[in-house]
Amino acid sequence: MSENYYTPQRVDPDACIYPMRFSPVTYWVVIEGEEYKICNEYSHKRASNAKVGNYGRGHMNTDKDPRRVERTGLKGEMAYAKLFGGSVDLTYRSNGDQLDFTLRNRETVDVKLSCNVPSYEAGLIQVVTEKGTPKPLLCDWYVVGCNLWDEFNLDPSKHRDYSEVCLIGAARRADIESLPISPARAEGLTQLNQEIHYNWDKLVRIDAFRALTY
């Protein structure tokens, strides 16, 4: 298997600080131009596209935007790499990615970006599939954030290659595993999640997590 990585242009995290109602410090990152094109192109080449069922197709995907979920995930990884360094793994893996990044102490990181700012203000980590199969957490850290703006959603035929995303904080696997298991938020979905609320006291603020990345 040939591996494929992309290293985006770095940005200064201090120049990306933006307060939100649930945190005085988040990192607001623009994904545009070539970086956006890559997220869009490779959203069509993810293993999740071969899955079946409601969750497999991505419940936020639509006929108008059939790869929204996959593109959003790649934008989260792109934002992380721009802020903290590293490369986005674009390699096709039949079982999906097991991790997104590795910290200097060799702990692993998975970036979870919501397709919008959810009204319940939480990142969702699937722990039981729609078939009832347990899905254990494999990474040491989970970074949560949300998509703020994506011009593809306006008119895919006329949009600019431009999006804004926000990284909010990070949680350790052990802390996430202590959370209650909750039903899916979206109607018609049967998988179970653990919810990382953006104001959770165990969520490490993104600027504090930054110290672990260098």
Protein backbone atom coordinates (compact mmCIF):
# COMPACT_ATOMS: atom_id res chain seq x y z
CA MET A 1 0.00 0.00 0.00
CA SER A 2 1.36 3.39 -0.99
CA GLU A 3 1.01 5.96 1.78
CA ASN A 4 -0.09 9.49 0.97
CA TYR A 5 0.40 12.47 3.29
CA TYR A 6 -0.18 16.20 2.92
CA THR A 7 1.50 18.84 5.07
CA PRO A 8 -0.44 22.14 5.14
CA GLN A 9 0.93 25.60 5.81
CA ARG A 10 1.27 26.28 9.52
CA VAL A 11 -0.55 29.09 11.31
CA ASP A 12 0.18 30.77 14.64
CA PRO A 13 -2.31 29.40 17.21
CA ASP A 14 -2.16 32.67 19.15
CA ALA A 15 -3.51 34.44 16.06
CA CYS A 16 -6.40 31.97 15.86
CA ILE A 17 -7.85 32.43 19.36
CA TYR A 18 -11.57 33.07 19.36
CA PRO A 19 -13.93 33.02 22.36
CA MET A 20 -17.13 30.98 22.12
CA ARG A 21 -20.00 30.84 24.61
CA PHE A 22 -18.76 27.50 25.97
CA SER A 23 -15.04 28.39 26.17
CA PRO A 24 -13.03 31.62 26.39
CA VAL A 25 -10.38 30.12 24.11
CA THR A 26 -10.96 28.11 20.95
CA TYR A 27 -8.83 28.00 17.80
CA TRP A 28 -10.63 29.26 14.70
CA VAL A 29 -8.93 28.06 11.51
CA VAL A 30 -9.60 28.86 7.86
CA ILE A 31 -9.33 25.99 5.36
CA GLU A 32 -9.20 27.35 1.83
CA GLY A 33 -7.69 27.01 -1.60
CA GLU A 34 -5.54 23.92 -2.13
CA GLU A 35 -6.14 22.67 1.41
CA TYR A 36 -9.90 22.77 0.93
CA LYS A 37 -9.65 21.15 -2.51
CA ILE A 38 -7.69 18.27 -0.97
CA CYS A 39 -10.30 17.77 1.76
CA ASN A 40 -13.03 17.75 -0.86
CA GLU A 41 -11.19 15.47 -3.29
CA TYR A 42 -10.18 12.88 -0.71
CA SER A 43 -13.61 12.88 0.91
CA HIS A 44 -14.57 10.72 -2.09
CA LYS A 45 -11.75 8.27 -1.34
CA ARG A 46 -12.45 7.30 2.28
CA ALA A 47 -13.25 3.77 3.40
CA SER A 48 -16.46 5.00 5.05
CA ASN A 49 -17.93 5.54 1.59
CA ALA A 50 -18.22 1.75 1.22
CA LYS A 51 -20.27 1.33 4.40
CA VAL A 52 -23.98 0.62 4.32
CA GLY A 53 -26.83 1.73 6.58
CA ASN A 54 -27.76 5.14 7.97
CA TYR A 55 -24.57 5.71 9.88
CA GLY A 56 -22.44 4.28 7.11
CA ARG A 57 -23.57 6.89 4.61
CA GLY A 58 -23.14 9.62 7.22
CA HIS A 59 -26.41 10.98 8.56
CA MET A 60 -25.37 14.56 7.72
CA ASN A 61 -24.70 13.65 4.09
CA THR A 62 -27.33 14.67 1.56
CA ASP A 63 -27.94 14.20 -2.15
CA LYS A 64 -26.72 17.77 -2.64
CA ASP A 65 -23.62 17.22 -0.49
CA PRO A 66 -23.00 13.45 -0.40
CA ARG A 67 -19.54 13.64 1.19
CA ARG A 68 -20.13 16.30 3.84
CA VAL A 69 -19.24 14.01 6.76
CA GLU A 70 -16.01 12.78 5.18
CA ARG A 71 -14.96 16.29 4.10
CA THR A 72 -15.66 17.62 7.60
CA GLY A 73 -13.44 14.95 9.15
CA LEU A 74 -10.58 15.83 6.82
CA LYS A 75 -11.01 19.53 7.59
CA GLY A 76 -10.62 18.74 11.28
CA GLU A 77 -7.35 16.95 10.59
CA MET A 78 -6.21 19.78 8.32
CA ALA A 79 -6.92 22.36 11.05
CA TYR A 80 -5.00 20.31 13.63
CA ALA A 81 -1.97 20.00 11.32
CA LYS A 82 -2.02 23.73 10.58
CA LEU A 83 -2.09 24.58 14.28
CA PHE A 84 0.20 21.97 15.79
CA GLY A 85 2.23 20.53 12.94
CA GLY A 86 2.22 17.14 11.30
CA SER A 87 0.68 15.84 8.11
CA VAL A 88 -2.81 14.76 7.12
CA ASP A 89 -2.95 11.07 6.25
CA LEU A 90 -4.78 10.76 2.92
CA THR A 91 -3.97 7.07 2.47
CA TYR A 92 -6.91 4.82 1.64
CA ARG A 93 -7.22 2.21 4.39
CA SER A 94 -9.92 -0.43 4.02
CA ASN A 95 -10.67 -0.44 7.75
CA GLY A 96 -10.47 3.33 8.12
CA ASP A 97 -7.92 5.35 10.09
CA GLN A 98 -7.08 4.13 13.58
CA LEU A 99 -5.46 7.44 14.57
CA ASP A 100 -4.89 10.90 13.12
CA PHE A 101 -1.77 12.21 14.88
CA THR A 102 0.90 11.27 17.42
CA LEU A 103 2.12 13.52 20.24
CA ARG A 104 5.77 13.94 21.17
CA ASN A 105 5.30 11.41 24.01
CA ARG A 106 3.93 8.91 21.45
CA GLU A 107 0.34 9.19 22.68
CA THR A 108 -2.17 9.03 19.85
CA VAL A 109 -4.80 11.58 18.83
CA ASP A 110 -8.12 11.30 16.99
CA VAL A 111 -9.76 14.53 15.78
CA LYS A 112 -13.57 14.64 15.89
CA LEU A 113 -15.15 17.57 14.06
CA SER A 114 -18.94 18.04 14.08
CA CYS A 115 -20.56 19.13 10.81
CA ASN A 116 -21.99 22.22 12.55
CA VAL A 117 -22.21 23.79 16.01
CA PRO A 118 -24.68 21.37 17.60
CA SER A 119 -27.41 22.79 19.82
CA TYR A 120 -26.39 20.28 22.53
CA GLU A 121 -22.79 21.61 22.36
CA ALA A 122 -20.98 18.27 22.47
CA GLY A 123 -18.80 16.06 20.33
CA LEU A 124 -20.13 12.55 19.79
CA ILE A 125 -17.92 9.46 19.99
CA GLN A 126 -19.57 6.32 18.67
CA VAL A 127 -19.04 3.38 21.05
CA VAL A 128 -21.68 0.92 19.81
CA THR A 129 -22.42 0.54 16.09
CA GLU A 130 -25.92 0.43 14.61
CA LYS A 131 -25.47 -3.37 14.45
CA GLY A 132 -24.89 -3.48 18.22
CA THR A 133 -21.15 -4.13 17.97
CA PRO A 134 -19.00 -2.46 20.65
CA LYS A 135 -16.51 0.01 19.19
CA PRO A 136 -13.70 0.52 21.71
CA LEU A 137 -11.80 3.79 21.89
CA LEU A 138 -8.34 3.23 20.41
CA CYS A 139 -6.60 6.59 20.81
CA ASP A 140 -5.19 8.22 23.95
CA TRP A 141 -6.70 11.64 23.18
CA TYR A 142 -9.80 12.86 21.34
CA VAL A 143 -9.82 16.45 20.09
CA VAL A 144 -13.30 17.88 19.54
CA GLY A 145 -14.40 20.80 17.44
CA CYS A 146 -17.04 21.93 14.99
CA ASN A 147 -17.49 23.20 11.48
CA LEU A 148 -18.46 26.88 11.50
CA TRP A 149 -18.85 27.64 7.82
CA ASP A 150 -18.51 25.78 4.56
CA GLU A 151 -19.39 27.47 1.29
CA PHE A 152 -20.10 24.09 -0.31
CA ASN A 153 -23.34 24.10 1.66
CA LEU A 154 -24.51 27.25 -0.12
CA ASP A 155 -24.36 25.99 -3.70
CA PRO A 156 -21.91 23.20 -4.61
CA SER A 157 -21.83 24.41 -8.22
CA LYS A 158 -20.76 27.95 -7.32
CA HIS A 159 -18.98 27.73 -3.98
CA ARG A 160 -15.52 29.06 -3.19
CA ASP A 161 -13.00 26.59 -1.78
CA TYR A 162 -13.40 28.04 1.69
CA SER A 163 -14.37 26.85 5.16
CA GLU A 164 -13.93 27.88 8.80
CA VAL A 165 -13.57 25.35 11.60
CA CYS A 166 -13.10 25.59 15.35
CA LEU A 167 -11.07 23.29 17.62
CA ILE A 168 -12.33 23.44 21.20
CA GLY A 169 -10.56 20.98 23.47
CA ALA A 170 -9.24 17.47 24.05
CA ALA A 171 -10.21 14.62 26.37
CA ARG A 172 -8.31 11.57 27.55
CA ARG A 173 -9.63 8.13 26.66
CA ALA A 174 -10.01 7.07 30.31
CA ASP A 175 -12.12 10.13 31.07
CA ILE A 176 -14.33 9.56 28.03
CA GLU A 177 -14.83 5.92 29.00
CA SER A 178 -16.19 7.07 32.37
CA LEU A 179 -19.02 8.96 30.65
CA PRO A 180 -22.50 7.46 30.37
CA ILE A 181 -23.49 5.89 27.06
CA SER A 182 -26.19 7.89 25.29
CA PRO A 183 -28.56 7.16 22.40
CA ALA A 184 -27.94 8.77 19.04
CA ARG A 185 -29.03 12.39 18.75
CA ALA A 186 -30.31 12.08 15.20
CA GLU A 187 -33.70 10.56 14.57
CA GLY A 188 -33.62 7.09 13.05
CA LEU A 189 -30.07 6.23 14.12
CA THR A 190 -29.50 3.32 16.48
CA GLN A 191 -25.81 3.54 17.36
CA LEU A 192 -24.79 4.61 20.88
CA ASN A 193 -22.41 7.44 21.72
CA GLN A 194 -20.46 9.02 24.51
CA GLU A 195 -20.93 12.78 24.51
CA ILE A 196 -18.02 15.14 25.16
CA HIS A 197 -19.74 18.36 26.16
CA TYR A 198 -17.79 21.49 25.31
CA ASN A 199 -18.02 22.78 28.91
CA TRP A 200 -17.15 19.42 30.53
CA ASP A 201 -14.71 19.88 33.41
CA LYS A 202 -12.53 17.01 32.15
CA LEU A 203 -12.14 18.58 28.72
CA VAL A 204 -8.65 20.08 28.41
CA ARG A 205 -8.92 23.51 26.81
CA ILE A 206 -7.33 23.56 23.39
CA ASP A 207 -4.60 26.07 24.33
CA ALA A 208 -3.57 23.85 27.26
CA PHE A 209 -3.55 20.77 25.02
CA ARG A 210 -1.28 22.70 22.64
CA ALA A 211 1.63 22.32 25.11
CA LEU A 212 1.54 18.55 24.57
CA THR A 213 1.97 18.84 20.82
CA TYR A 214 5.41 20.46 20.77
